[in-house]
Amino acid sequence: MTPSVEIAYGVTSLKQQQASAKRLLELNRGHWEIENRVHWVRDVTYDEDRCRIRTDNGPRVMATIRNLAIGITRMMGFRYIPDAQRTFVFCRRRKDIMSLWGIW
């Protein structure tokens, strides 16, 4: 079996001296890191694509709330968002959740 080669084309505003293959790869991976850390979590964990809120500012508000929840859980040290959700589900009282956030 012969090895295959994949060629990818992209458009950039970088000057030729700034656009080495290594730098372009870093930028591309950085983009996908954001996609995987935020958008993928919203799509999969929060099932955002099936959300029925579609009018006015509703979608933007819900995306903001989801981003806030993701940000808080990451700041609390959770790497895996479903673990955070399970932790919060078992906190029956507001005081328990606030103590997890370090504000009670």
N, C-alpha and C. Protein backbone atom coordinates (compact mmCIF):
# COMPACT_ATOMS: atom_id res chain seq x y z
N MET A 1 0.84 -1.18 0.00
CA MET A 1 0.00 0.00 0.00
C MET A 1 0.89 1.24 0.00
N THR A 2 0.64 2.14 -0.92
CA THR A 2 1.45 3.34 -1.00
C THR A 2 0.88 4.43 -0.08
N PRO A 3 1.76 5.20 0.54
CA PRO A 3 1.26 6.28 1.42
C PRO A 3 0.53 7.33 0.59
N SER A 4 -0.47 7.93 1.18
CA SER A 4 -1.21 8.97 0.46
C SER A 4 -0.77 10.35 0.94
N VAL A 5 -1.01 11.32 0.13
CA VAL A 5 -0.67 12.70 0.45
C VAL A 5 -1.94 13.51 0.36
N GLU A 6 -2.18 14.32 1.36
CA GLU A 6 -3.35 15.20 1.34
C GLU A 6 -2.88 16.64 1.20
N ILE A 7 -3.47 17.34 0.29
CA ILE A 7 -3.14 18.75 0.06
C ILE A 7 -4.32 19.58 0.51
N ALA A 8 -4.03 20.57 1.33
CA ALA A 8 -5.09 21.47 1.81
C ALA A 8 -4.74 22.89 1.38
N TYR A 9 -5.73 23.60 0.91
CA TYR A 9 -5.54 24.99 0.49
C TYR A 9 -6.26 25.90 1.47
N GLY A 10 -5.72 27.07 1.69
CA GLY A 10 -6.35 28.02 2.59
C GLY A 10 -6.05 29.44 2.14
N VAL A 11 -6.80 30.36 2.66
CA VAL A 11 -6.62 31.78 2.35
C VAL A 11 -6.21 32.46 3.65
N THR A 12 -5.21 33.30 3.57
CA THR A 12 -4.74 34.01 4.76
C THR A 12 -4.36 35.44 4.39
N SER A 13 -4.40 36.31 5.37
CA SER A 13 -3.97 37.68 5.15
C SER A 13 -2.52 37.87 5.61
N LEU A 14 -1.89 36.80 6.06
CA LEU A 14 -0.49 36.89 6.49
C LEU A 14 0.42 37.12 5.29
N LYS A 15 1.50 37.80 5.53
CA LYS A 15 2.51 37.98 4.49
C LYS A 15 3.25 36.65 4.31
N GLN A 16 3.89 36.49 3.18
CA GLN A 16 4.55 35.23 2.86
C GLN A 16 5.58 34.86 3.92
N GLN A 17 6.29 35.84 4.46
CA GLN A 17 7.31 35.56 5.47
C GLN A 17 6.68 35.06 6.78
N GLN A 18 5.42 35.43 7.02
CA GLN A 18 4.74 35.04 8.26
C GLN A 18 3.97 33.73 8.09
N ALA A 19 3.79 33.29 6.87
CA ALA A 19 2.89 32.16 6.59
C ALA A 19 3.66 30.89 6.28
N SER A 20 4.53 30.49 7.19
CA SER A 20 5.21 29.21 6.99
C SER A 20 4.20 28.09 7.19
N ALA A 21 4.54 26.93 6.69
CA ALA A 21 3.64 25.78 6.84
C ALA A 21 3.39 25.50 8.32
N LYS A 22 4.42 25.61 9.14
CA LYS A 22 4.29 25.37 10.58
C LYS A 22 3.32 26.37 11.21
N ARG A 23 3.47 27.64 10.87
CA ARG A 23 2.60 28.68 11.44
C ARG A 23 1.15 28.48 11.01
N LEU A 24 0.93 28.17 9.75
CA LEU A 24 -0.43 27.95 9.26
C LEU A 24 -1.06 26.74 9.94
N LEU A 25 -0.28 25.71 10.18
CA LEU A 25 -0.79 24.54 10.88
C LEU A 25 -1.17 24.90 12.31
N GLU A 26 -0.34 25.71 12.99
CA GLU A 26 -0.66 26.15 14.36
C GLU A 26 -1.96 26.94 14.39
N LEU A 27 -2.13 27.84 13.44
CA LEU A 27 -3.35 28.64 13.38
C LEU A 27 -4.58 27.77 13.13
N ASN A 28 -4.43 26.81 12.23
CA ASN A 28 -5.54 25.92 11.91
C ASN A 28 -5.91 25.06 13.12
N ARG A 29 -4.90 24.54 13.80
CA ARG A 29 -5.18 23.72 14.99
C ARG A 29 -5.79 24.57 16.10
N GLY A 30 -5.35 25.81 16.22
CA GLY A 30 -5.93 26.71 17.22
C GLY A 30 -7.40 26.94 16.96
N HIS A 31 -7.76 27.09 15.69
CA HIS A 31 -9.17 27.26 15.34
C HIS A 31 -9.97 26.05 15.77
N TRP A 32 -9.46 24.86 15.48
CA TRP A 32 -10.20 23.65 15.81
C TRP A 32 -10.23 23.40 17.31
N GLU A 33 -9.24 23.91 18.03
CA GLU A 33 -9.27 23.79 19.49
C GLU A 33 -10.46 24.56 20.05
N ILE A 34 -10.69 25.76 19.52
CA ILE A 34 -11.85 26.55 19.93
C ILE A 34 -13.13 25.82 19.55
N GLU A 35 -13.18 25.30 18.35
CA GLU A 35 -14.36 24.56 17.90
C GLU A 35 -14.64 23.39 18.84
N ASN A 36 -13.61 22.66 19.20
CA ASN A 36 -13.80 21.49 20.06
C ASN A 36 -14.13 21.86 21.49
N ARG A 37 -13.58 22.94 22.02
CA ARG A 37 -13.80 23.30 23.42
C ARG A 37 -15.14 23.99 23.65
N VAL A 38 -15.63 24.72 22.69
CA VAL A 38 -16.87 25.48 22.92
C VAL A 38 -18.01 24.98 22.06
N HIS A 39 -17.87 25.07 20.77
CA HIS A 39 -18.99 24.75 19.88
C HIS A 39 -19.40 23.28 19.97
N TRP A 40 -18.42 22.40 20.01
CA TRP A 40 -18.74 20.99 20.10
C TRP A 40 -19.48 20.69 21.40
N VAL A 41 -19.04 21.29 22.50
CA VAL A 41 -19.71 21.10 23.79
C VAL A 41 -21.15 21.59 23.71
N ARG A 42 -21.33 22.77 23.11
CA ARG A 42 -22.70 23.29 22.98
C ARG A 42 -23.55 22.38 22.11
N ASP A 43 -22.97 21.88 21.02
CA ASP A 43 -23.74 21.02 20.11
C ASP A 43 -24.08 19.67 20.73
N VAL A 44 -23.11 19.05 21.38
CA VAL A 44 -23.31 17.68 21.86
C VAL A 44 -23.87 17.65 23.28
N THR A 45 -23.21 18.31 24.21
CA THR A 45 -23.63 18.23 25.61
C THR A 45 -24.95 18.94 25.86
N TYR A 46 -25.10 20.12 25.25
CA TYR A 46 -26.33 20.88 25.45
C TYR A 46 -27.35 20.68 24.33
N ASP A 47 -27.00 19.84 23.36
CA ASP A 47 -27.93 19.49 22.26
C ASP A 47 -28.49 20.74 21.59
N GLU A 48 -27.61 21.71 21.38
CA GLU A 48 -28.02 23.02 20.88
C GLU A 48 -28.72 22.96 19.52
N ASP A 49 -28.31 22.05 18.68
CA ASP A 49 -28.89 22.00 17.33
C ASP A 49 -30.37 21.67 17.34
N ARG A 50 -30.83 20.98 18.39
CA ARG A 50 -32.26 20.64 18.46
C ARG A 50 -33.07 21.65 19.26
N CYS A 51 -32.43 22.71 19.71
CA CYS A 51 -33.14 23.73 20.49
C CYS A 51 -34.22 24.37 19.61
N ARG A 52 -35.39 24.54 20.17
CA ARG A 52 -36.52 25.07 19.39
C ARG A 52 -36.66 26.59 19.51
N ILE A 53 -35.77 27.22 20.23
CA ILE A 53 -35.80 28.67 20.36
C ILE A 53 -35.12 29.24 19.11
N ARG A 54 -35.91 29.87 18.24
CA ARG A 54 -35.37 30.29 16.95
C ARG A 54 -35.71 31.73 16.56
N THR A 55 -36.41 32.45 17.39
CA THR A 55 -36.84 33.79 16.97
C THR A 55 -36.22 34.88 17.83
N ASP A 56 -36.18 36.06 17.26
CA ASP A 56 -35.67 37.27 17.92
C ASP A 56 -34.27 37.02 18.50
N ASN A 57 -34.07 37.45 19.74
CA ASN A 57 -32.76 37.29 20.37
C ASN A 57 -32.62 35.98 21.14
N GLY A 58 -33.65 35.16 21.12
CA GLY A 58 -33.65 33.92 21.88
C GLY A 58 -32.43 33.04 21.64
N PRO A 59 -32.08 32.74 20.38
CA PRO A 59 -30.91 31.89 20.15
C PRO A 59 -29.62 32.48 20.69
N ARG A 60 -29.45 33.78 20.53
CA ARG A 60 -28.24 34.44 21.03
C ARG A 60 -28.19 34.41 22.56
N VAL A 61 -29.34 34.65 23.19
CA VAL A 61 -29.39 34.62 24.65
C VAL A 61 -29.06 33.22 25.16
N MET A 62 -29.65 32.20 24.55
CA MET A 62 -29.39 30.83 24.99
C MET A 62 -27.93 30.44 24.76
N ALA A 63 -27.34 30.87 23.65
CA ALA A 63 -25.92 30.58 23.40
C ALA A 63 -25.06 31.26 24.46
N THR A 64 -25.43 32.47 24.85
CA THR A 64 -24.69 33.18 25.89
C THR A 64 -24.79 32.46 27.22
N ILE A 65 -25.97 32.00 27.56
CA ILE A 65 -26.16 31.26 28.82
C ILE A 65 -25.34 29.97 28.80
N ARG A 66 -25.37 29.27 27.67
CA ARG A 66 -24.59 28.03 27.57
C ARG A 66 -23.09 28.32 27.68
N ASN A 67 -22.62 29.38 27.01
CA ASN A 67 -21.20 29.75 27.10
C ASN A 67 -20.82 30.11 28.53
N LEU A 68 -21.71 30.81 29.23
CA LEU A 68 -21.47 31.16 30.63
C LEU A 68 -21.34 29.90 31.48
N ALA A 69 -22.24 28.96 31.28
CA ALA A 69 -22.19 27.70 32.03
C ALA A 69 -20.90 26.94 31.74
N ILE A 70 -20.50 26.91 30.49
CA ILE A 70 -19.25 26.24 30.11
C ILE A 70 -18.07 26.93 30.78
N GLY A 71 -18.06 28.26 30.71
CA GLY A 71 -16.96 29.03 31.30
C GLY A 71 -16.86 28.83 32.80
N ILE A 72 -17.99 28.84 33.49
CA ILE A 72 -17.98 28.64 34.95
C ILE A 72 -17.47 27.25 35.29
N THR A 73 -17.95 26.25 34.58
CA THR A 73 -17.50 24.89 34.90
C THR A 73 -16.02 24.71 34.62
N ARG A 74 -15.51 25.34 33.56
CA ARG A 74 -14.07 25.25 33.28
C ARG A 74 -13.28 25.98 34.37
N MET A 75 -13.76 27.15 34.81
CA MET A 75 -13.07 27.90 35.86
C MET A 75 -13.07 27.12 37.17
N MET A 76 -14.08 26.30 37.37
CA MET A 76 -14.15 25.49 38.59
C MET A 76 -13.25 24.26 38.50
N GLY A 77 -12.62 24.05 37.37
CA GLY A 77 -11.67 22.96 37.23
C GLY A 77 -12.22 21.72 36.57
N PHE A 78 -13.47 21.75 36.14
CA PHE A 78 -14.02 20.61 35.44
C PHE A 78 -13.48 20.60 34.02
N ARG A 79 -12.97 19.47 33.60
CA ARG A 79 -12.48 19.36 32.23
C ARG A 79 -13.57 18.79 31.34
N TYR A 80 -14.41 17.97 31.93
CA TYR A 80 -15.45 17.27 31.20
C TYR A 80 -16.80 17.81 31.67
N ILE A 81 -17.50 18.52 30.80
CA ILE A 81 -18.73 19.23 31.18
C ILE A 81 -19.81 18.30 31.74
N PRO A 82 -20.03 17.11 31.18
CA PRO A 82 -21.05 16.23 31.78
C PRO A 82 -20.77 15.89 33.25
N ASP A 83 -19.48 15.81 33.63
CA ASP A 83 -19.17 15.59 35.06
C ASP A 83 -19.69 16.75 35.90
N ALA A 84 -19.51 17.96 35.40
CA ALA A 84 -20.00 19.14 36.12
C ALA A 84 -21.52 19.10 36.21
N GLN A 85 -22.17 18.74 35.12
CA GLN A 85 -23.63 18.68 35.15
C GLN A 85 -24.13 17.68 36.18
N ARG A 86 -23.48 16.52 36.24
CA ARG A 86 -23.88 15.52 37.23
C ARG A 86 -23.65 16.04 38.65
N THR A 87 -22.56 16.75 38.86
CA THR A 87 -22.28 17.32 40.18
C THR A 87 -23.37 18.30 40.58
N PHE A 88 -23.77 19.16 39.65
CA PHE A 88 -24.78 20.18 39.95
C PHE A 88 -26.16 19.57 40.14
N VAL A 89 -26.45 18.49 39.43
CA VAL A 89 -27.76 17.85 39.57
C VAL A 89 -27.95 17.34 40.99
N PHE A 90 -26.87 16.86 41.59
CA PHE A 90 -26.98 16.29 42.93
C PHE A 90 -26.93 17.35 44.03
N CYS A 91 -26.69 18.59 43.68
CA CYS A 91 -26.75 19.68 44.66
C CYS A 91 -28.20 20.12 44.75
N ARG A 92 -28.86 19.74 45.80
CA ARG A 92 -30.29 20.01 45.92
C ARG A 92 -30.60 21.44 46.35
N ARG A 93 -29.68 22.05 47.04
CA ARG A 93 -29.96 23.40 47.55
C ARG A 93 -29.02 24.41 46.91
N ARG A 94 -29.51 25.62 46.80
CA ARG A 94 -28.71 26.69 46.23
C ARG A 94 -27.39 26.88 46.99
N LYS A 95 -27.44 26.72 48.30
CA LYS A 95 -26.25 26.90 49.12
C LYS A 95 -25.16 25.91 48.72
N ASP A 96 -25.54 24.68 48.37
CA ASP A 96 -24.56 23.68 47.96
C ASP A 96 -23.84 24.10 46.68
N ILE A 97 -24.59 24.61 45.72
CA ILE A 97 -23.99 25.05 44.46
C ILE A 97 -23.10 26.26 44.69
N MET A 98 -23.59 27.20 45.49
CA MET A 98 -22.78 28.40 45.76
C MET A 98 -21.49 28.06 46.48
N SER A 99 -21.52 27.06 47.34
CA SER A 99 -20.29 26.65 48.03
C SER A 99 -19.31 26.02 47.04
N LEU A 100 -19.83 25.31 46.04
CA LEU A 100 -18.96 24.78 44.99
C LEU A 100 -18.27 25.90 44.23
N TRP A 101 -18.97 27.01 44.05
CA TRP A 101 -18.40 28.17 43.35
C TRP A 101 -17.50 28.98 44.26
N GLY A 102 -17.50 28.65 45.55
CA GLY A 102 -16.65 29.37 46.49
C GLY A 102 -17.22 30.71 46.92
N ILE A 103 -18.55 30.86 46.85
CA ILE A 103 -19.14 32.15 47.21
C ILE A 103 -20.11 32.03 48.39
N TRP A 104 -20.10 30.90 49.10
CA TRP A 104 -20.97 30.78 50.27
C TRP A 104 -20.16 30.34 51.45
